[in-house]
Structure formats: C-alpha cells, structure tokens
Amino acid sequence: VQLQASGGGLVQPGGSLRLSCAASGSILSIPGMGWYRQAPGKQRELVATISRNGQNTMYADSVKGRFTISRDNAKIMVFLQMTGLKPEDTAVYYCTMVTSSQYWGQGTQVTVSS
C-alpha cells in the first residue's frame, strides 16, 4: 500500500491550498483517512480525520472553520482544502490511512509566508 500526497507549496497569509492524497496497492476495505502535520522542531499533530463513509469529520481546534477534509472512495483519495492560511500552518503535511494497519504518505511541504 502506498499513499502519494501532493498540492503543497508556498502561499501568502490568508491564501488557500488544496492537498490531495491518493492510495494505491492492495486495499481490501474502505479505510479511515486523515491528515497530520509536523512543523520544524515540533511533534507531528493531527489535523483532520474523515470516517469511511465521509459523513463524520474531526478537526484540530487550530484549523476548525478554515480547513475542510473530504474524500473520494471510488478513487481512494482524501483531500484537505485549506483556507485562511496562517504562518503557523507552515509544516510538512502527511496523509494517513487506517485499515488493519496504519499507512503514511511521504509528506508535502506547506509554507505560509509573505
């Protein structure tokens, strides 16, 4: 199983980015999916999760109202729409998938700076 994340980049404060993550390999059941991030010198933290059917989502307090997680089960993809970006959102963002094991993508860098 592999996860490929994309969509990171450099954006000014207040800007938007959309991260995508595609899963491939032997995936036998619809997985739980989510996003974490890790800023320099800090521990990896949970950003958002989405249930298997997409109806239940959870967000870290720091991103509520600004970020939206969604998924496409036909393609086994998860997305993170980020708006109102702040410098403190700067981090490497990792997608994750949980079936019988937990899998991680390679990370995509998001830098918020003027």
C-alpha atoms as a PDB file:
ATOM      1  CA  VAL A   1       0.000   0.000   0.000  1.00  0.00           C
ATOM      2  CA  GLN A   2       1.288   3.449  -0.932  1.00  0.00           C
ATOM      3  CA  LEU A   3      -0.005   6.951  -0.297  1.00  0.00           C
ATOM      4  CA  GLN A   4       1.018   9.802  -2.577  1.00  0.00           C
ATOM      5  CA  ALA A   5       0.390  13.325  -1.326  1.00  0.00           C
ATOM      6  CA  SER A   6       0.505  16.444  -3.466  1.00  0.00           C
ATOM      7  CA  GLY A   7      -0.608  20.050  -3.564  1.00  0.00           C
ATOM      8  CA  GLY A   8       1.737  21.727  -1.121  1.00  0.00           C
ATOM      9  CA  GLY A   9       3.597  24.918  -1.864  1.00  0.00           C
ATOM     10  CA  LEU A  10       4.329  28.484  -0.846  1.00  0.00           C
ATOM     11  CA  VAL A  11       1.352  30.720  -0.176  1.00  0.00           C
ATOM     12  CA  GLN A  12       0.851  34.135   1.388  1.00  0.00           C
ATOM     13  CA  PRO A  13      -1.020  34.540   4.664  1.00  0.00           C
ATOM     14  CA  GLY A  14      -4.742  34.426   4.030  1.00  0.00           C
ATOM     15  CA  GLY A  15      -4.287  32.269   0.958  1.00  0.00           C
ATOM     16  CA  SER A  16      -5.590  28.822   0.108  1.00  0.00           C
ATOM     17  CA  LEU A  17      -4.218  25.446  -0.891  1.00  0.00           C
ATOM     18  CA  ARG A  18      -5.782  22.083  -1.630  1.00  0.00           C
ATOM     19  CA  LEU A  19      -3.871  18.962  -0.688  1.00  0.00           C
ATOM     20  CA  SER A  20      -4.622  15.622  -2.317  1.00  0.00           C
ATOM     21  CA  CYS A  21      -3.603  12.112  -1.358  1.00  0.00           C
ATOM     22  CA  ALA A  22      -4.094   9.013  -3.474  1.00  0.00           C
ATOM     23  CA  ALA A  23      -3.860   5.478  -2.138  1.00  0.00           C
ATOM     24  CA  SER A  24      -2.772   2.531  -4.229  1.00  0.00           C
ATOM     25  CA  GLY A  25      -1.983  -1.118  -3.715  1.00  0.00           C
ATOM     26  CA  SER A  26      -3.882  -3.953  -2.122  1.00  0.00           C
ATOM     27  CA  ILE A  27      -6.652  -2.200  -0.212  1.00  0.00           C
ATOM     28  CA  LEU A  28      -9.352  -4.672   0.705  1.00  0.00           C
ATOM     29  CA  SER A  29     -11.718  -2.416   2.619  1.00  0.00           C
ATOM     30  CA  ILE A  30     -12.599   1.260   2.735  1.00  0.00           C
ATOM     31  CA  PRO A  31     -10.101   2.849   5.117  1.00  0.00           C
ATOM     32  CA  GLY A  32     -10.341   5.623   7.628  1.00  0.00           C
ATOM     33  CA  MET A  33      -8.255   8.553   6.373  1.00  0.00           C
ATOM     34  CA  GLY A  34      -6.803  11.742   7.705  1.00  0.00           C
ATOM     35  CA  TRP A  35      -4.106  14.398   7.689  1.00  0.00           C
ATOM     36  CA  TYR A  36      -1.351  15.164  10.164  1.00  0.00           C
ATOM     37  CA  ARG A  37       1.306  17.849  10.082  1.00  0.00           C
ATOM     38  CA  GLN A  38       4.726  18.385  11.562  1.00  0.00           C
ATOM     39  CA  ALA A  39       6.336  21.772  11.921  1.00  0.00           C
ATOM     40  CA  PRO A  40      10.108  22.157  12.411  1.00  0.00           C
ATOM     41  CA  GLY A  41      11.100  21.257  15.952  1.00  0.00           C
ATOM     42  CA  LYS A  42       7.605  20.101  16.862  1.00  0.00           C
ATOM     43  CA  GLN A  43       5.828  16.788  17.177  1.00  0.00           C
ATOM     44  CA  ARG A  44       3.541  15.505  14.486  1.00  0.00           C
ATOM     45  CA  GLU A  45      -0.041  16.574  15.217  1.00  0.00           C
ATOM     46  CA  LEU A  46      -3.435  15.515  13.996  1.00  0.00           C
ATOM     47  CA  VAL A  47      -5.107  17.988  11.651  1.00  0.00           C
ATOM     48  CA  ALA A  48      -8.278  16.269  10.486  1.00  0.00           C
ATOM     49  CA  THR A  49      -9.872  12.859  10.038  1.00  0.00           C
ATOM     50  CA  ILE A  50     -12.790  11.578   7.995  1.00  0.00           C
ATOM     51  CA  SER A  51     -14.813   8.432   8.502  1.00  0.00           C
ATOM     52  CA  ARG A  52     -15.112   5.628   5.979  1.00  0.00           C
ATOM     53  CA  ASN A  53     -18.412   6.889   4.593  1.00  0.00           C
ATOM     54  CA  GLY A  54     -17.307  10.512   4.688  1.00  0.00           C
ATOM     55  CA  GLN A  55     -20.116  11.599   6.957  1.00  0.00           C
ATOM     56  CA  ASN A  56     -18.086  12.167  10.102  1.00  0.00           C
ATOM     57  CA  THR A  57     -15.160  14.531  10.303  1.00  0.00           C
ATOM     58  CA  MET A  58     -12.944  15.789  13.101  1.00  0.00           C
ATOM     59  CA  TYR A  59     -10.647  18.807  13.156  1.00  0.00           C
ATOM     60  CA  ALA A  60      -7.941  20.139  15.407  1.00  0.00           C
ATOM     61  CA  ASP A  61      -9.113  23.289  17.163  1.00  0.00           C
ATOM     62  CA  SER A  62      -6.418  25.295  15.409  1.00  0.00           C
ATOM     63  CA  VAL A  63      -7.875  24.622  11.954  1.00  0.00           C
ATOM     64  CA  LYS A  64     -11.632  24.486  12.621  1.00  0.00           C
ATOM     65  CA  GLY A  65     -13.559  26.742  10.292  1.00  0.00           C
ATOM     66  CA  ARG A  66     -10.577  27.109   7.930  1.00  0.00           C
ATOM     67  CA  PHE A  67      -9.797  23.573   6.744  1.00  0.00           C
ATOM     68  CA  THR A  68     -12.149  21.037   5.182  1.00  0.00           C
ATOM     69  CA  ILE A  69     -11.405  17.348   4.742  1.00  0.00           C
ATOM     70  CA  SER A  70     -13.169  15.280   2.112  1.00  0.00           C
ATOM     71  CA  ARG A  71     -12.711  12.001   0.295  1.00  0.00           C
ATOM     72  CA  ASP A  72     -13.456  10.098  -2.883  1.00  0.00           C
ATOM     73  CA  ASN A  73     -13.963   6.424  -2.105  1.00  0.00           C
ATOM     74  CA  ALA A  74     -14.126   5.397  -5.757  1.00  0.00           C
ATOM     75  CA  LYS A  75     -10.551   6.596  -6.186  1.00  0.00           C
ATOM     76  CA  ILE A  76      -9.468   6.052  -2.571  1.00  0.00           C
ATOM     77  CA  MET A  77      -8.384   9.642  -2.219  1.00  0.00           C
ATOM     78  CA  VAL A  78      -8.511  12.148   0.600  1.00  0.00           C
ATOM     79  CA  PHE A  79      -8.338  15.926   0.266  1.00  0.00           C
ATOM     80  CA  LEU A  80      -7.636  18.852   2.548  1.00  0.00           C
ATOM     81  CA  GLN A  81      -8.948  22.238   1.482  1.00  0.00           C
ATOM     82  CA  MET A  82      -7.075  24.890   3.441  1.00  0.00           C
ATOM     83  CA  THR A  83      -8.242  28.496   3.516  1.00  0.00           C
ATOM     84  CA  GLY A  84      -7.269  31.481   5.611  1.00  0.00           C
ATOM     85  CA  LEU A  85      -3.777  30.097   5.919  1.00  0.00           C
ATOM     86  CA  LYS A  86      -1.549  31.455   8.677  1.00  0.00           C
ATOM     87  CA  PRO A  87       2.223  31.337   9.141  1.00  0.00           C
ATOM     88  CA  GLU A  88       1.691  28.865  11.972  1.00  0.00           C
ATOM     89  CA  ASP A  89       0.183  26.417   9.468  1.00  0.00           C
ATOM     90  CA  THR A  90       3.649  26.017   7.949  1.00  0.00           C
ATOM     91  CA  ALA A  91       4.560  22.342   8.189  1.00  0.00           C
ATOM     92  CA  VAL A  92       5.008  19.122   6.304  1.00  0.00           C
ATOM     93  CA  TYR A  93       1.558  17.621   5.845  1.00  0.00           C
ATOM     94  CA  TYR A  94       1.140  13.850   5.879  1.00  0.00           C
ATOM     95  CA  CYS A  95      -1.859  11.866   4.794  1.00  0.00           C
ATOM     96  CA  THR A  96      -2.653   8.662   6.592  1.00  0.00           C
ATOM     97  CA  MET A  97      -4.874   5.672   6.034  1.00  0.00           C
ATOM     98  CA  VAL A  98      -6.018   3.061   8.531  1.00  0.00           C
ATOM     99  CA  THR A  99      -7.195  -0.427   7.660  1.00  0.00           C
ATOM    100  CA  SER A 100      -5.734  -3.300   9.645  1.00  0.00           C
ATOM    101  CA  SER A 101      -2.555  -1.221   9.745  1.00  0.00           C
ATOM    102  CA  GLN A 102      -1.764   2.473   9.535  1.00  0.00           C
ATOM    103  CA  TYR A 103      -0.053   3.797   6.427  1.00  0.00           C
ATOM    104  CA  TRP A 104       1.612   7.165   5.815  1.00  0.00           C
ATOM    105  CA  GLY A 105       2.285   9.255   2.753  1.00  0.00           C
ATOM    106  CA  GLN A 106       5.634  10.886   2.100  1.00  0.00           C
ATOM    107  CA  GLY A 107       4.529  14.360   3.145  1.00  0.00           C
ATOM    108  CA  THR A 108       4.055  17.583   1.247  1.00  0.00           C
ATOM    109  CA  GLN A 109       5.516  20.907   2.373  1.00  0.00           C
ATOM    110  CA  VAL A 110       3.187  23.826   3.054  1.00  0.00           C
ATOM    111  CA  THR A 111       4.841  27.185   3.669  1.00  0.00           C
ATOM    112  CA  VAL A 112       2.800  30.239   4.592  1.00  0.00           C
ATOM    113  CA  SER A 113       4.858  33.376   4.325  1.00  0.00           C
ATOM    114  CA  SER A 114       4.761  36.852   2.866  1.00  0.00           C
END
